[in-house]
PDB file of N, CA and C in Angstrom:
ATOM      1  N   MET A   1      54.190 -90.977 159.266  1.00  0.00           N
ATOM      2  CA  MET A   1      55.133 -92.057 159.030  1.00  0.00           C
ATOM      3  C   MET A   1      54.504 -93.360 159.528  1.00  0.00           C
ATOM      4  N   PRO A   2      54.544 -94.422 158.703  1.00  0.00           N
ATOM      5  CA  PRO A   2      53.929 -95.689 159.120  1.00  0.00           C
ATOM      6  C   PRO A   2      54.743 -96.375 160.219  1.00  0.00           C
ATOM      7  N   LEU A   3      54.045 -97.169 161.004  1.00  0.00           N
ATOM      8  CA  LEU A   3      54.696 -97.958 162.045  1.00  0.00           C
ATOM      9  C   LEU A   3      55.624 -98.974 161.384  1.00  0.00           C
ATOM     10  N   LEU A   4      56.840 -99.089 161.886  1.00  0.00           N
ATOM     11  CA  LEU A   4      57.803-100.034 161.319  1.00  0.00           C
ATOM     12  C   LEU A   4      57.481-101.434 161.824  1.00  0.00           C
ATOM     13  N   THR A   5      57.054-102.270 160.920  1.00  0.00           N
ATOM     14  CA  THR A   5      56.757-103.669 161.235  1.00  0.00           C
ATOM     15  C   THR A   5      57.842-104.535 160.620  1.00  0.00           C
ATOM     16  N   VAL A   6      57.860-105.786 160.987  1.00  0.00           N
ATOM     17  CA  VAL A   6      58.827-106.718 160.398  1.00  0.00           C
ATOM     18  C   VAL A   6      58.638-106.781 158.894  1.00  0.00           C
ATOM     19  N   GLU A   7      57.403-106.825 158.445  1.00  0.00           N
ATOM     20  CA  GLU A   7      57.119-106.904 157.008  1.00  0.00           C
ATOM     21  C   GLU A   7      57.619-105.657 156.280  1.00  0.00           C
ATOM     22  N   LEU A   8      57.367-104.473 156.871  1.00  0.00           N
ATOM     23  CA  LEU A   8      57.831-103.239 156.254  1.00  0.00           C
ATOM     24  C   LEU A   8      59.354-103.183 156.229  1.00  0.00           C
ATOM     25  N   ALA A   9      59.995-103.608 157.290  1.00  0.00           N
ATOM     26  CA  ALA A   9      61.458-103.627 157.335  1.00  0.00           C
ATOM     27  C   ALA A   9      62.018-104.533 156.241  1.00  0.00           C
ATOM     28  N   HIS A  10      61.439-105.706 156.079  1.00  0.00           N
ATOM     29  CA  HIS A  10      61.893-106.628 155.019  1.00  0.00           C
ATOM     30  C   HIS A  10      61.715-105.992 153.639  1.00  0.00           C
ATOM     31  N   ARG A  11      60.576-105.320 153.422  1.00  0.00           N
ATOM     32  CA  ARG A  11      60.333-104.688 152.129  1.00  0.00           C
ATOM     33  C   ARG A  11      61.335-103.566 151.871  1.00  0.00           C
ATOM     34  N   LEU A  12      61.584-102.729 152.864  1.00  0.00           N
ATOM     35  CA  LEU A  12      62.521-101.626 152.690  1.00  0.00           C
ATOM     36  C   LEU A  12      63.927-102.124 152.387  1.00  0.00           C
ATOM     37  N   ILE A  13      64.342-103.171 153.074  1.00  0.00           N
ATOM     38  CA  ILE A  13      65.670-103.746 152.838  1.00  0.00           C
ATOM     39  C   ILE A  13      65.757-104.375 151.460  1.00  0.00           C
ATOM     40  N   SER A  14      64.727-105.117 151.073  1.00  0.00           N
ATOM     41  CA  SER A  14      64.759-105.799 149.773  1.00  0.00           C
ATOM     42  C   SER A  14      64.701-104.825 148.606  1.00  0.00           C
ATOM     43  N   GLU A  15      64.104-103.646 148.804  1.00  0.00           N
ATOM     44  CA  GLU A  15      64.048-102.637 147.742  1.00  0.00           C
ATOM     45  C   GLU A  15      65.390-101.947 147.536  1.00  0.00           C
ATOM     46  N   GLY A  16      66.288-102.129 148.470  1.00  0.00           N
ATOM     47  CA  GLY A  16      67.628-101.562 148.310  1.00  0.00           C
ATOM     48  C   GLY A  16      67.675-100.055 148.405  1.00  0.00           C
ATOM     49  N   ARG A  17      66.872 -99.477 149.243  1.00  0.00           N
ATOM     50  CA  ARG A  17      66.897 -98.021 149.412  1.00  0.00           C
ATOM     51  C   ARG A  17      68.250 -97.580 149.957  1.00  0.00           C
ATOM     52  N   THR A  18      68.638 -96.397 149.562  1.00  0.00           N
ATOM     53  CA  THR A  18      69.927 -95.865 149.986  1.00  0.00           C
ATOM     54  C   THR A  18      69.730 -94.572 150.770  1.00  0.00           C
ATOM     55  N   ALA A  19      70.656 -94.293 151.638  1.00  0.00           N
ATOM     56  CA  ALA A  19      70.629 -93.042 152.401  1.00  0.00           C
ATOM     57  C   ALA A  19      71.373 -91.936 151.652  1.00  0.00           C
ATOM     58  N   LYS A  20      71.983 -92.275 150.513  1.00  0.00           N
ATOM     59  CA  LYS A  20      72.702 -91.271 149.719  1.00  0.00           C
ATOM     60  C   LYS A  20      71.690 -90.380 149.008  1.00  0.00           C
ATOM     61  N   ARG A  21      71.982 -89.082 148.984  1.00  0.00           N
ATOM     62  CA  ARG A  21      71.103 -88.119 148.348  1.00  0.00           C
ATOM     63  C   ARG A  21      71.855 -87.387 147.250  1.00  0.00           C
ATOM     64  N   ASP A  22      71.220 -87.300 146.080  1.00  0.00           N
ATOM     65  CA  ASP A  22      71.820 -86.630 144.923  1.00  0.00           C
ATOM     66  C   ASP A  22      71.354 -85.180 144.906  1.00  0.00           C
ATOM     67  N   ILE A  23      71.926 -84.384 145.809  1.00  0.00           N
ATOM     68  CA  ILE A  23      71.591 -82.971 145.872  1.00  0.00           C
ATOM     69  C   ILE A  23      72.878 -82.155 145.906  1.00  0.00           C
ATOM     70  N   ALA A  24      72.787 -80.935 145.395  1.00  0.00           N
ATOM     71  CA  ALA A  24      73.947 -80.036 145.417  1.00  0.00           C
ATOM     72  C   ALA A  24      74.027 -79.390 146.795  1.00  0.00           C
ATOM     73  N   LEU A  25      75.046 -79.718 147.516  1.00  0.00           N
ATOM     74  CA  LEU A  25      75.255 -79.186 148.853  1.00  0.00           C
ATOM     75  C   LEU A  25      76.750 -78.926 149.015  1.00  0.00           C
ATOM     76  N   THR A  26      77.110 -77.724 149.349  1.00  0.00           N
ATOM     77  CA  THR A  26      78.520 -77.364 149.486  1.00  0.00           C
ATOM     78  C   THR A  26      79.144 -78.110 150.654  1.00  0.00           C
ATOM     79  N   ALA A  27      80.277 -78.737 150.389  1.00  0.00           N
ATOM     80  CA  ALA A  27      81.005 -79.456 151.441  1.00  0.00           C
ATOM     81  C   ALA A  27      81.696 -78.459 152.365  1.00  0.00           C
ATOM     82  N   LYS A  28      81.675 -78.742 153.656  1.00  0.00           N
ATOM     83  CA  LYS A  28      82.358 -77.892 154.632  1.00  0.00           C
ATOM     84  C   LYS A  28      83.864 -78.165 154.644  1.00  0.00           C
ATOM     85  N   PHE A  29      84.250 -79.375 154.214  1.00  0.00           N
ATOM     86  CA  PHE A  29      85.653 -79.778 154.271  1.00  0.00           C
ATOM     87  C   PHE A  29      86.073 -80.417 152.953  1.00  0.00           C
ATOM     88  N   LYS A  30      87.388 -80.479 152.760  1.00  0.00           N
ATOM     89  CA  LYS A  30      87.944 -81.150 151.581  1.00  0.00           C
ATOM     90  C   LYS A  30      89.097 -82.038 152.044  1.00  0.00           C
ATOM     91  N   PRO A  31      89.483 -83.008 151.235  1.00  0.00           N
ATOM     92  CA  PRO A  31      90.608 -83.867 151.622  1.00  0.00           C
ATOM     93  C   PRO A  31      91.832 -83.047 152.005  1.00  0.00           C
ATOM     94  N   GLY A  32      92.445 -83.444 153.123  1.00  0.00           N
ATOM     95  CA  GLY A  32      93.613 -82.754 153.644  1.00  0.00           C
ATOM     96  C   GLY A  32      93.297 -81.777 154.764  1.00  0.00           C
ATOM     97  N   ASP A  33      92.025 -81.388 154.895  1.00  0.00           N
ATOM     98  CA  ASP A  33      91.644 -80.455 155.964  1.00  0.00           C
ATOM     99  C   ASP A  33      91.804 -81.113 157.331  1.00  0.00           C
ATOM    100  N   LYS A  34      92.301 -80.332 158.288  1.00  0.00           N
ATOM    101  CA  LYS A  34      92.415 -80.800 159.670  1.00  0.00           C
ATOM    102  C   LYS A  34      91.102 -80.493 160.385  1.00  0.00           C
ATOM    103  N   VAL A  35      90.608 -81.488 161.105  1.00  0.00           N
ATOM    104  CA  VAL A  35      89.326 -81.361 161.803  1.00  0.00           C
ATOM    105  C   VAL A  35      89.447 -81.891 163.222  1.00  0.00           C
ATOM    106  N   VAL A  36      88.468 -81.546 164.024  1.00  0.00           N
ATOM    107  CA  VAL A  36      88.339 -82.128 165.358  1.00  0.00           C
ATOM    108  C   VAL A  36      86.907 -82.650 165.465  1.00  0.00           C
ATOM    109  N   ALA A  37      86.782 -83.867 165.963  1.00  0.00           N
ATOM    110  CA  ALA A  37      85.460 -84.446 166.180  1.00  0.00           C
ATOM    111  C   ALA A  37      84.845 -83.778 167.404  1.00  0.00           C
ATOM    112  N   ARG A  38      83.617 -83.364 167.277  1.00  0.00           N
ATOM    113  CA  ARG A  38      82.952 -82.656 168.378  1.00  0.00           C
ATOM    114  C   ARG A  38      82.827 -83.561 169.596  1.00  0.00           C
ATOM    115  N   ASN A  39      83.054 -82.973 170.753  1.00  0.00           N
ATOM    116  CA  ASN A  39      82.892 -83.696 172.014  1.00  0.00           C
ATOM    117  C   ASN A  39      81.457 -83.480 172.469  1.00  0.00           C
ATOM    118  N   MET A  40      80.574 -84.287 171.922  1.00  0.00           N
ATOM    119  CA  MET A  40      79.144 -84.123 172.150  1.00  0.00           C
ATOM    120  C   MET A  40      78.574 -85.358 172.837  1.00  0.00           C
ATOM    121  N   HIS A  41      77.499 -85.145 173.555  1.00  0.00           N
ATOM    122  CA  HIS A  41      76.872 -86.247 174.289  1.00  0.00           C
ATOM    123  C   HIS A  41      75.355 -86.161 174.151  1.00  0.00           C
ATOM    124  N   PRO A  42      74.849 -86.438 172.954  1.00  0.00           N
ATOM    125  CA  PRO A  42      73.403 -86.338 172.743  1.00  0.00           C
ATOM    126  C   PRO A  42      72.648 -87.393 173.556  1.00  0.00           C
ATOM    127  N   THR A  43      71.415 -87.069 173.882  1.00  0.00           N
ATOM    128  CA  THR A  43      70.598 -88.019 174.642  1.00  0.00           C
ATOM    129  C   THR A  43      69.980 -89.072 173.737  1.00  0.00           C
ATOM    130  N   GLY A  44      69.900 -88.794 172.446  1.00  0.00           N
ATOM    131  CA  GLY A  44      69.298 -89.742 171.508  1.00  0.00           C
ATOM    132  C   GLY A  44      70.345 -90.468 170.677  1.00  0.00           C
ATOM    133  N   HIS A  45      69.924 -90.888 169.516  1.00  0.00           N
ATOM    134  CA  HIS A  45      70.758 -91.655 168.592  1.00  0.00           C
ATOM    135  C   HIS A  45      71.925 -90.818 168.066  1.00  0.00           C
ATOM    136  N   THR A  46      73.092 -91.432 167.965  1.00  0.00           N
ATOM    137  CA  THR A  46      74.236 -90.814 167.295  1.00  0.00           C
ATOM    138  C   THR A  46      75.140 -91.898 166.720  1.00  0.00           C
ATOM    139  N   ARG A  47      75.869 -91.532 165.683  1.00  0.00           N
ATOM    140  CA  ARG A  47      76.818 -92.445 165.060  1.00  0.00           C
ATOM    141  C   ARG A  47      78.256 -92.019 165.299  1.00  0.00           C
ATOM    142  N   ILE A  48      78.492 -91.042 166.152  1.00  0.00           N
ATOM    143  CA  ILE A  48      79.862 -90.623 166.417  1.00  0.00           C
ATOM    144  C   ILE A  48      80.397 -91.443 167.595  1.00  0.00           C
ATOM    145  N   PRO A  49      81.415 -92.258 167.360  1.00  0.00           N
ATOM    146  CA  PRO A  49      81.959 -93.074 168.451  1.00  0.00           C
ATOM    147  C   PRO A  49      82.558 -92.210 169.559  1.00  0.00           C
ATOM    148  N   ARG A  50      82.382 -92.640 170.784  1.00  0.00           N
ATOM    149  CA  ARG A  50      82.912 -91.877 171.924  1.00  0.00           C
ATOM    150  C   ARG A  50      84.435 -91.723 171.833  1.00  0.00           C
ATOM    151  N   TYR A  51      85.123 -92.728 171.329  1.00  0.00           N
ATOM    152  CA  TYR A  51      86.587 -92.672 171.338  1.00  0.00           C
ATOM    153  C   TYR A  51      87.178 -91.677 170.349  1.00  0.00           C
ATOM    154  N   VAL A  52      86.363 -91.087 169.450  1.00  0.00           N
ATOM    155  CA  VAL A  52      86.892 -90.050 168.560  1.00  0.00           C
ATOM    156  C   VAL A  52      86.485 -88.655 169.005  1.00  0.00           C
ATOM    157  N   ARG A  53      85.574 -88.540 169.945  1.00  0.00           N
ATOM    158  CA  ARG A  53      85.083 -87.226 170.376  1.00  0.00           C
ATOM    159  C   ARG A  53      86.206 -86.408 171.006  1.00  0.00           C
ATOM    160  N   GLY A  54      86.370 -85.195 170.489  1.00  0.00           N
ATOM    161  CA  GLY A  54      87.430 -84.309 170.973  1.00  0.00           C
ATOM    162  C   GLY A  54      88.791 -84.586 170.367  1.00  0.00           C
ATOM    163  N   ARG A  55      88.874 -85.540 169.462  1.00  0.00           N
ATOM    164  CA  ARG A  55      90.163 -85.930 168.858  1.00  0.00           C
ATOM    165  C   ARG A  55      90.342 -85.280 167.489  1.00  0.00           C
ATOM    166  N   HIS A  56      91.604 -85.062 167.131  1.00  0.00           N
ATOM    167  CA  HIS A  56      91.966 -84.427 165.863  1.00  0.00           C
ATOM    168  C   HIS A  56      92.225 -85.464 164.784  1.00  0.00           C
ATOM    169  N   GLY A  57      91.760 -85.150 163.577  1.00  0.00           N
ATOM    170  CA  GLY A  57      91.971 -86.021 162.435  1.00  0.00           C
ATOM    171  C   GLY A  57      92.126 -85.202 161.168  1.00  0.00           C
ATOM    172  N   ILE A  58      92.260 -85.900 160.056  1.00  0.00           N
ATOM    173  CA  ILE A  58      92.421 -85.267 158.746  1.00  0.00           C
ATOM    174  C   ILE A  58      91.411 -85.885 157.789  1.00  0.00           C
ATOM    175  N   ILE A  59      90.727 -85.025 157.036  1.00  0.00           N
ATOM    176  CA  ILE A  59      89.772 -85.516 156.038  1.00  0.00           C
ATOM    177  C   ILE A  59      90.542 -86.281 154.964  1.00  0.00           C
ATOM    178  N   ASP A  60      90.148 -87.534 154.755  1.00  0.00           N
ATOM    179  CA  ASP A  60      90.773 -88.360 153.711  1.00  0.00           C
ATOM    180  C   ASP A  60      89.987 -88.269 152.408  1.00  0.00           C
ATOM    181  N   ARG A  61      88.647 -88.347 152.510  1.00  0.00           N
ATOM    182  CA  ARG A  61      87.810 -88.260 151.307  1.00  0.00           C
ATOM    183  C   ARG A  61      86.388 -87.863 151.688  1.00  0.00           C
ATOM    184  N   ASP A  62      85.689 -87.354 150.703  1.00  0.00           N
ATOM    185  CA  ASP A  62      84.292 -86.973 150.837  1.00  0.00           C
ATOM    186  C   ASP A  62      83.473 -88.039 150.115  1.00  0.00           C
ATOM    187  N   HIS A  63      82.589 -88.710 150.839  1.00  0.00           N
ATOM    188  CA  HIS A  63      81.764 -89.770 150.249  1.00  0.00           C
ATOM    189  C   HIS A  63      80.523 -89.235 149.550  1.00  0.00           C
ATOM    190  N   GLY A  64      80.218 -87.949 149.727  1.00  0.00           N
ATOM    191  CA  GLY A  64      79.009 -87.378 149.146  1.00  0.00           C
ATOM    192  C   GLY A  64      78.001 -87.035 150.230  1.00  0.00           C
ATOM    193  N   VAL A  65      76.766 -86.796 149.806  1.00  0.00           N
ATOM    194  CA  VAL A  65      75.709 -86.344 150.714  1.00  0.00           C
ATOM    195  C   VAL A  65      74.811 -87.517 151.095  1.00  0.00           C
ATOM    196  N   PHE A  66      74.565 -87.639 152.405  1.00  0.00           N
ATOM    197  CA  PHE A  66      73.745 -88.716 152.939  1.00  0.00           C
ATOM    198  C   PHE A  66      72.790 -88.180 153.995  1.00  0.00           C
ATOM    199  N   VAL A  67      71.740 -88.937 154.256  1.00  0.00           N
ATOM    200  CA  VAL A  67      70.810 -88.637 155.340  1.00  0.00           C
ATOM    201  C   VAL A  67      71.595 -88.624 156.650  1.00  0.00           C
ATOM    202  N   PHE A  68      71.316 -87.631 157.504  1.00  0.00           N
ATOM    203  CA  PHE A  68      71.947 -87.557 158.817  1.00  0.00           C
ATOM    204  C   PHE A  68      71.176 -88.483 159.758  1.00  0.00           C
ATOM    205  N   PRO A  69      71.797 -89.562 160.229  1.00  0.00           N
ATOM    206  CA  PRO A  69      71.058 -90.570 160.990  1.00  0.00           C
ATOM    207  C   PRO A  69      70.523 -90.069 162.332  1.00  0.00           C
ATOM    208  N   ASP A  70      71.185 -89.100 162.938  1.00  0.00           N
ATOM    209  CA  ASP A  70      70.741 -88.613 164.243  1.00  0.00           C
ATOM    210  C   ASP A  70      69.357 -87.977 164.152  1.00  0.00           C
ATOM    211  N   SER A  71      69.182 -87.061 163.203  1.00  0.00           N
ATOM    212  CA  SER A  71      67.882 -86.404 163.054  1.00  0.00           C
ATOM    213  C   SER A  71      66.843 -87.373 162.491  1.00  0.00           C
ATOM    214  N   ASN A  72      67.255 -88.216 161.571  1.00  0.00           N
ATOM    215  CA  ASN A  72      66.323 -89.153 160.951  1.00  0.00           C
ATOM    216  C   ASN A  72      65.773 -90.155 161.971  1.00  0.00           C
ATOM    217  N   ALA A  73      66.610 -90.622 162.884  1.00  0.00           N
ATOM    218  CA  ALA A  73      66.172 -91.575 163.903  1.00  0.00           C
ATOM    219  C   ALA A  73      65.187 -90.948 164.878  1.00  0.00           C
ATOM    220  N   GLU A  74      65.271 -89.635 165.044  1.00  0.00           N
ATOM    221  CA  GLU A  74      64.377 -88.916 165.959  1.00  0.00           C
ATOM    222  C   GLU A  74      63.136 -88.405 165.235  1.00  0.00           C
ATOM    223  N   LEU A  75      62.958 -88.814 163.959  1.00  0.00           N
ATOM    224  CA  LEU A  75      61.840 -88.379 163.114  1.00  0.00           C
ATOM    225  C   LEU A  75      61.811 -86.857 162.947  1.00  0.00           C
ATOM    226  N   ALA A  76      63.011 -86.258 162.926  1.00  0.00           N
ATOM    227  CA  ALA A  76      63.138 -84.814 162.778  1.00  0.00           C
ATOM    228  C   ALA A  76      63.581 -84.420 161.368  1.00  0.00           C
ATOM    229  N   GLY A  77      63.502 -85.332 160.429  1.00  0.00           N
ATOM    230  CA  GLY A  77      63.877 -85.049 159.049  1.00  0.00           C
ATOM    231  C   GLY A  77      65.227 -85.628 158.675  1.00  0.00           C
ATOM    232  N   GLU A  78      65.466 -85.655 157.376  1.00  0.00           N
ATOM    233  CA  GLU A  78      66.687 -86.280 156.858  1.00  0.00           C
ATOM    234  C   GLU A  78      67.941 -85.438 157.100  1.00  0.00           C
ATOM    235  N   LYS A  79      67.845 -84.127 157.073  1.00  0.00           N
ATOM    236  CA  LYS A  79      68.975 -83.216 157.273  1.00  0.00           C
ATOM    237  C   LYS A  79      70.222 -83.681 156.507  1.00  0.00           C
ATOM    238  N   PRO A  80      70.113 -83.833 155.168  1.00  0.00           N
ATOM    239  CA  PRO A  80      71.235 -84.357 154.385  1.00  0.00           C
ATOM    240  C   PRO A  80      72.494 -83.517 154.550  1.00  0.00           C
ATOM    241  N   GLN A  81      73.635 -84.199 154.578  1.00  0.00           N
ATOM    242  CA  GLN A  81      74.928 -83.528 154.700  1.00  0.00           C
ATOM    243  C   GLN A  81      76.045 -84.449 154.232  1.00  0.00           C
ATOM    244  N   HIS A  82      77.200 -83.855 154.014  1.00  0.00           N
ATOM    245  CA  HIS A  82      78.351 -84.622 153.544  1.00  0.00           C
ATOM    246  C   HIS A  82      78.843 -85.583 154.629  1.00  0.00           C
ATOM    247  N   VAL A  83      79.339 -86.722 154.161  1.00  0.00           N
ATOM    248  CA  VAL A  83      79.982 -87.711 155.022  1.00  0.00           C
ATOM    249  C   VAL A  83      81.423 -87.841 154.551  1.00  0.00           C
ATOM    250  N   TYR A  84      82.343 -87.783 155.505  1.00  0.00           N
ATOM    251  CA  TYR A  84      83.768 -87.831 155.188  1.00  0.00           C
ATOM    252  C   TYR A  84      84.417 -89.020 155.856  1.00  0.00           C
ATOM    253  N   SER A  85      85.422 -89.562 155.195  1.00  0.00           N
ATOM    254  CA  SER A  85      86.303 -90.533 155.826  1.00  0.00           C
ATOM    255  C   SER A  85      87.396 -89.716 156.504  1.00  0.00           C
ATOM    256  N   VAL A  86      87.462 -89.818 157.832  1.00  0.00           N
ATOM    257  CA  VAL A  86      88.415 -89.037 158.612  1.00  0.00           C
ATOM    258  C   VAL A  86      89.491 -89.976 159.145  1.00  0.00           C
ATOM    259  N   ARG A  87      90.747 -89.584 158.933  1.00  0.00           N
ATOM    260  CA  ARG A  87      91.902 -90.379 159.358  1.00  0.00           C
ATOM    261  C   ARG A  87      92.372 -89.901 160.731  1.00  0.00           C
ATOM    262  N   PHE A  88      92.392 -90.824 161.677  1.00  0.00           N
ATOM    263  CA  PHE A  88      92.905 -90.552 163.019  1.00  0.00           C
ATOM    264  C   PHE A  88      94.109 -91.450 163.258  1.00  0.00           C
ATOM    265  N   THR A  89      95.154 -90.910 163.867  1.00  0.00           N
ATOM    266  CA  THR A  89      96.272 -91.774 164.241  1.00  0.00           C
ATOM    267  C   THR A  89      95.887 -92.537 165.511  1.00  0.00           C
ATOM    268  N   ALA A  90      96.448 -93.713 165.650  1.00  0.00           N
ATOM    269  CA  ALA A  90      96.194 -94.520 166.846  1.00  0.00           C
ATOM    270  C   ALA A  90      96.644 -93.774 168.094  1.00  0.00           C
ATOM    271  N   ARG A  91      97.745 -93.062 167.985  1.00  0.00           N
ATOM    272  CA  ARG A  91      98.246 -92.320 169.148  1.00  0.00           C
ATOM    273  C   ARG A  91      97.313 -91.174 169.539  1.00  0.00           C
ATOM    274  N   GLU A  92      96.666 -90.552 168.556  1.00  0.00           N
ATOM    275  CA  GLU A  92      95.692 -89.506 168.875  1.00  0.00           C
ATOM    276  C   GLU A  92      94.507 -90.092 169.642  1.00  0.00           C
ATOM    277  N   LEU A  93      94.125 -91.295 169.261  1.00  0.00           N
ATOM    278  CA  LEU A  93      92.959 -91.918 169.899  1.00  0.00           C
ATOM    279  C   LEU A  93      93.284 -92.613 171.211  1.00  0.00           C
ATOM    280  N   TRP A  94      94.444 -93.302 171.289  1.00  0.00           N
ATOM    281  CA  TRP A  94      94.716 -94.165 172.430  1.00  0.00           C
ATOM    282  C   TRP A  94      96.007 -93.849 173.179  1.00  0.00           C
ATOM    283  N   GLY A  95      96.681 -92.755 172.793  1.00  0.00           N
ATOM    284  CA  GLY A  95      97.841 -92.320 173.556  1.00  0.00           C
ATOM    285  C   GLY A  95      99.177 -92.787 173.006  1.00  0.00           C
ATOM    286  N   PRO A  96     100.259 -92.399 173.676  1.00  0.00           N
ATOM    287  CA  PRO A  96     101.620 -92.618 173.168  1.00  0.00           C
ATOM    288  C   PRO A  96     102.059 -94.077 173.113  1.00  0.00           C
ATOM    289  N   ASP A  97     101.378 -94.958 173.800  1.00  0.00           N
ATOM    290  CA  ASP A  97     101.756 -96.375 173.746  1.00  0.00           C
ATOM    291  C   ASP A  97     101.188 -97.101 172.520  1.00  0.00           C
ATOM    292  N   ALA A  98     100.293 -96.445 171.780  1.00  0.00           N
ATOM    293  CA  ALA A  98      99.739 -97.047 170.564  1.00  0.00           C
ATOM    294  C   ALA A  98     100.820 -97.079 169.484  1.00  0.00           C
ATOM    295  N   PRO A  99     100.754 -98.045 168.584  1.00  0.00           N
ATOM    296  CA  PRO A  99     101.755 -98.114 167.509  1.00  0.00           C
ATOM    297  C   PRO A  99     101.798 -96.826 166.680  1.00  0.00           C
ATOM    298  N   ALA A 100     102.992 -96.329 166.423  1.00  0.00           N
ATOM    299  CA  ALA A 100     103.197 -95.038 165.758  1.00  0.00           C
ATOM    300  C   ALA A 100     102.636 -95.005 164.345  1.00  0.00           C
ATOM    301  N   ARG A 101     102.612 -96.127 163.652  1.00  0.00           N
ATOM    302  CA  ARG A 101     102.192 -96.136 162.250  1.00  0.00           C
ATOM    303  C   ARG A 101     100.728 -96.508 162.056  1.00  0.00           C
ATOM    304  N   ASP A 102     100.037 -96.881 163.110  1.00  0.00           N
ATOM    305  CA  ASP A 102      98.642 -97.311 162.974  1.00  0.00           C
ATOM    306  C   ASP A 102      97.706 -96.115 162.842  1.00  0.00           C
ATOM    307  N   VAL A 103      96.712 -96.256 161.976  1.00  0.00           N
ATOM    308  CA  VAL A 103      95.686 -95.230 161.781  1.00  0.00           C
ATOM    309  C   VAL A 103      94.321 -95.903 161.713  1.00  0.00           C
ATOM    310  N   LEU A 104      93.291 -95.100 161.904  1.00  0.00           N
ATOM    311  CA  LEU A 104      91.918 -95.577 161.845  1.00  0.00           C
ATOM    312  C   LEU A 104      91.126 -94.581 161.010  1.00  0.00           C
ATOM    313  N   TYR A 105      90.302 -95.082 160.100  1.00  0.00           N
ATOM    314  CA  TYR A 105      89.436 -94.240 159.286  1.00  0.00           C
ATOM    315  C   TYR A 105      88.007 -94.410 159.777  1.00  0.00           C
ATOM    316  N   ILE A 106      87.361 -93.280 160.101  1.00  0.00           N
ATOM    317  CA  ILE A 106      85.991 -93.293 160.596  1.00  0.00           C
ATOM    318  C   ILE A 106      85.161 -92.385 159.695  1.00  0.00           C
ATOM    319  N   ASP A 107      83.995 -92.851 159.258  1.00  0.00           N
ATOM    320  CA  ASP A 107      83.102 -92.025 158.457  1.00  0.00           C
ATOM    321  C   ASP A 107      82.260 -91.164 159.383  1.00  0.00           C
ATOM    322  N   LEU A 108      82.341 -89.837 159.179  1.00  0.00           N
ATOM    323  CA  LEU A 108      81.654 -88.876 160.041  1.00  0.00           C
ATOM    324  C   LEU A 108      80.924 -87.825 159.214  1.00  0.00           C
ATOM    325  N   TRP A 109      79.746 -87.432 159.678  1.00  0.00           N
ATOM    326  CA  TRP A 109      78.928 -86.413 159.032  1.00  0.00           C
ATOM    327  C   TRP A 109      79.427 -85.015 159.407  1.00  0.00           C
ATOM    328  N   ASP A 110      79.035 -84.004 158.601  1.00  0.00           N
ATOM    329  CA  ASP A 110      79.397 -82.616 158.862  1.00  0.00           C
ATOM    330  C   ASP A 110      79.113 -82.192 160.302  1.00  0.00           C
ATOM    331  N   ASP A 111      77.942 -82.541 160.810  1.00  0.00           N
ATOM    332  CA  ASP A 111      77.556 -82.091 162.149  1.00  0.00           C
ATOM    333  C   ASP A 111      78.426 -82.657 163.266  1.00  0.00           C
ATOM    334  N   TYR A 112      79.268 -83.617 162.975  1.00  0.00           N
ATOM    335  CA  TYR A 112      80.173 -84.181 163.980  1.00  0.00           C
ATOM    336  C   TYR A 112      81.538 -83.510 163.977  1.00  0.00           C
ATOM    337  N   LEU A 113      81.782 -82.605 163.023  1.00  0.00           N
ATOM    338  CA  LEU A 113      83.145 -82.097 162.841  1.00  0.00           C
ATOM    339  C   LEU A 113      83.229 -80.574 162.920  1.00  0.00           C
ATOM    340  N   ASP A 114      84.365 -80.100 163.421  1.00  0.00           N
ATOM    341  CA  ASP A 114      84.710 -78.675 163.406  1.00  0.00           C
ATOM    342  C   ASP A 114      86.096 -78.552 162.797  1.00  0.00           C
ATOM    343  N   PRO A 115      86.416 -77.382 162.220  1.00  0.00           N
ATOM    344  CA  PRO A 115      87.787 -77.164 161.746  1.00  0.00           C
ATOM    345  C   PRO A 115      88.753 -77.216 162.932  1.00  0.00           C
ATOM    346  N   ALA A 116      89.921 -77.750 162.709  1.00  0.00           N
ATOM    347  CA  ALA A 116      90.921 -77.825 163.790  1.00  0.00           C
ATOM    348  C   ALA A 116      91.768 -76.566 163.805  1.00  0.00           C
TER     349      ALA A 116
END
C-alpha cells in the first residue's frame, strides 16, 4: 500500500471513490429487527459511538454493503459488510428525562450489532 501523501489524498477524493461494494452478501438483519449495539472498546479505529454501545435499537433500513472502516484503517482488509440505519429512542440513549418522542438514527455495520 502506498504512503498516503497530500497529493494522493487529493487524487483519491477528486476521483470520487466510494466505500460501497457491489457484492452479494447476505444481510444479518432486516428492517424491523431488534438489535443491541455491542459494548466494545477496541484499541484502534472504530465508528461505533460510545453512547450507543450496549443500547437497544431497531433496524430502520439496510444501506447495502460497504467497506468496514475498522479493519480497513488497520490495513487488515476491507471486510465488506452491510450497513444499517438503526433507530434508537432518546430515552434508551439518555434515560427517562429525555423527550419521549425523540429518536436518533445511527448508521452501524454488522460487526457492531447483535440480535436483541
